[in-house]
Amino acid sequence: MISHIFTKTWMFGTAQFVGISRTDKLFFVLSVLLLVLAVIMTVVFRGKKNSLKKNLQKRWRALFATIGVLGLIWSFLRYEYIVGMSSHVVVIAIYFLALIWALAILKYYMGKYKKQLAEYEKEQQLKKYL
């Protein structure tokens, strides 16, 4: 299974030559799950008052929604046998960019967000006693 992933046919071939494989179905399911997660995050975090937490949640939601939609578009292109855009290299590039985007969000969370949250909580404490 793993050995055929690195072949030229699997990486650059369209579904017409390779067929709809288990990995194609996996990428489709992952895209749907990311889109559903983005919708759930929208509903659950709708009433949050803290703008810092809302900002962080918006970043994650944007990542999940964008990658979910791009994955679904890729799945459609794969199903329709569109040459070039339906190769596995494209979907691997999409998920690689998602990884870089997620690392940027984590960098924000570890750096600026924690400092801003501490300042916000301190400010709320001062407002509470004044």
Protein backbone atom coordinates (compact mmCIF):
# COMPACT_ATOMS: atom_id res chain seq x y z
CA MET A 1 0.00 0.00 0.00
CA ILE A 2 2.63 2.54 1.07
CA SER A 3 5.08 1.57 -1.68
CA HIS A 4 2.68 2.48 -4.48
CA ILE A 5 2.07 5.97 -3.05
CA PHE A 6 5.47 7.19 -4.17
CA THR A 7 5.12 5.98 -7.74
CA LYS A 8 4.87 8.41 -10.62
CA THR A 9 1.48 7.03 -11.69
CA TRP A 10 -0.09 7.51 -8.26
CA MET A 11 1.35 10.99 -7.66
CA PHE A 12 0.63 12.51 -11.08
CA GLY A 13 -2.02 10.23 -12.58
CA THR A 14 -5.68 11.10 -12.85
CA ALA A 15 -8.48 8.86 -11.58
CA GLN A 16 -9.10 7.82 -15.19
CA PHE A 17 -5.85 5.84 -15.17
CA VAL A 18 -5.54 5.05 -11.46
CA GLY A 19 -9.20 4.81 -10.49
CA ILE A 20 -10.85 6.27 -7.40
CA SER A 21 -8.69 4.81 -4.67
CA ARG A 22 -9.09 4.47 -0.92
CA THR A 23 -6.87 7.50 -0.43
CA ASP A 24 -9.17 9.56 -2.65
CA LYS A 25 -12.10 8.54 -0.46
CA LEU A 26 -10.03 9.33 2.63
CA PHE A 27 -9.24 12.83 1.32
CA PHE A 28 -12.95 13.36 0.57
CA VAL A 29 -14.03 12.27 4.05
CA LEU A 30 -11.33 14.42 5.67
CA SER A 31 -12.53 17.44 3.68
CA VAL A 32 -16.14 16.87 4.72
CA LEU A 33 -15.09 16.47 8.37
CA LEU A 34 -13.10 19.72 8.28
CA LEU A 35 -16.07 21.54 6.79
CA VAL A 36 -18.43 20.09 9.39
CA LEU A 37 -15.97 21.06 12.14
CA ALA A 38 -15.92 24.64 10.83
CA VAL A 39 -19.73 24.78 10.92
CA ILE A 40 -19.83 23.32 14.44
CA MET A 41 -17.26 25.86 15.62
CA THR A 42 -19.39 28.65 14.15
CA VAL A 43 -22.46 27.49 16.05
CA VAL A 44 -20.76 26.69 19.36
CA PHE A 45 -18.66 29.83 19.63
CA ARG A 46 -21.30 32.25 18.37
CA GLY A 47 -22.09 33.75 21.78
CA LYS A 48 -18.55 34.18 23.10
CA LYS A 49 -17.87 37.65 24.44
CA ASN A 50 -14.08 37.53 24.73
CA SER A 51 -12.76 39.02 21.49
CA LEU A 52 -9.35 37.38 21.91
CA LYS A 53 -10.81 33.89 22.13
CA LYS A 54 -13.15 34.71 19.28
CA ASN A 55 -10.19 35.87 17.17
CA LEU A 56 -8.31 32.63 17.79
CA GLN A 57 -11.43 30.61 17.02
CA LYS A 58 -11.92 32.55 13.77
CA ARG A 59 -8.41 31.63 12.67
CA TRP A 60 -9.02 27.92 13.22
CA ARG A 61 -12.46 28.10 11.63
CA ALA A 62 -11.04 29.83 8.55
CA LEU A 63 -8.37 27.13 8.24
CA PHE A 64 -10.86 24.27 8.54
CA ALA A 65 -13.39 25.83 6.16
CA THR A 66 -10.81 26.75 3.52
CA ILE A 67 -9.07 23.39 3.49
CA GLY A 68 -12.42 21.59 3.57
CA VAL A 69 -13.70 23.48 0.54
CA LEU A 70 -10.42 23.08 -1.36
CA GLY A 71 -10.46 19.35 -0.60
CA LEU A 72 -14.03 19.03 -1.87
CA ILE A 73 -13.13 20.93 -5.04
CA TRP A 74 -10.18 18.59 -5.54
CA SER A 75 -12.45 15.57 -5.00
CA PHE A 76 -14.85 16.90 -7.64
CA LEU A 77 -11.98 17.47 -10.08
CA ARG A 78 -10.72 13.96 -9.35
CA TYR A 79 -14.15 12.47 -9.94
CA GLU A 80 -14.51 14.35 -13.25
CA TYR A 81 -11.04 13.24 -14.45
CA ILE A 82 -9.66 16.76 -14.88
CA VAL A 83 -6.06 16.34 -15.97
CA GLY A 84 -3.43 18.16 -13.94
CA MET A 85 -5.59 19.57 -11.15
CA SER A 86 -6.86 16.17 -10.02
CA SER A 87 -3.50 14.59 -9.33
CA HIS A 88 -2.53 13.58 -5.82
CA VAL A 89 0.27 16.15 -5.81
CA VAL A 90 -2.36 18.90 -5.68
CA VAL A 91 -4.15 17.51 -2.63
CA ILE A 92 -0.86 16.82 -0.88
CA ALA A 93 0.14 20.44 -1.53
CA ILE A 94 -3.22 21.61 -0.11
CA TYR A 95 -2.72 19.65 3.11
CA PHE A 96 0.92 20.74 3.33
CA LEU A 97 -0.20 24.37 3.13
CA ALA A 98 -2.80 23.58 5.81
CA LEU A 99 -0.01 22.28 8.03
CA ILE A 100 2.00 25.48 7.54
CA TRP A 101 -1.12 27.56 8.26
CA ALA A 102 -1.82 25.55 11.43
CA LEU A 103 1.77 26.06 12.58
CA ALA A 104 1.35 29.81 12.09
CA ILE A 105 -1.81 29.73 14.22
CA LEU A 106 0.01 27.75 16.91
CA LYS A 107 2.87 30.25 16.82
CA TYR A 108 0.34 33.05 17.38
CA TYR A 109 -1.25 31.06 20.21
CA MET A 110 2.06 30.43 21.96
CA GLY A 111 3.31 33.99 21.53
CA LYS A 112 0.98 36.95 21.18
CA TYR A 113 -2.27 35.31 22.28
CA LYS A 114 -1.10 34.27 25.74
CA LYS A 115 0.31 37.74 26.43
CA GLN A 116 -2.84 39.46 25.19
CA LEU A 117 -5.03 37.09 27.20
CA ALA A 118 -3.07 37.80 30.38
CA GLU A 119 -3.46 41.56 29.78
CA TYR A 120 -7.17 41.14 29.08
CA GLU A 121 -7.74 39.14 32.27
CA LYS A 122 -5.80 41.69 34.30
CA GLU A 123 -7.90 44.48 32.79
CA GLN A 124 -11.11 42.58 33.61
CA GLN A 125 -9.95 42.12 37.20
CA LEU A 126 -9.31 45.86 37.50
CA LYS A 127 -12.76 46.66 36.08
CA LYS A 128 -14.30 44.24 38.55
CA TYR A 129 -12.94 46.08 41.58
CA LEU A 130 -13.37 49.64 40.30
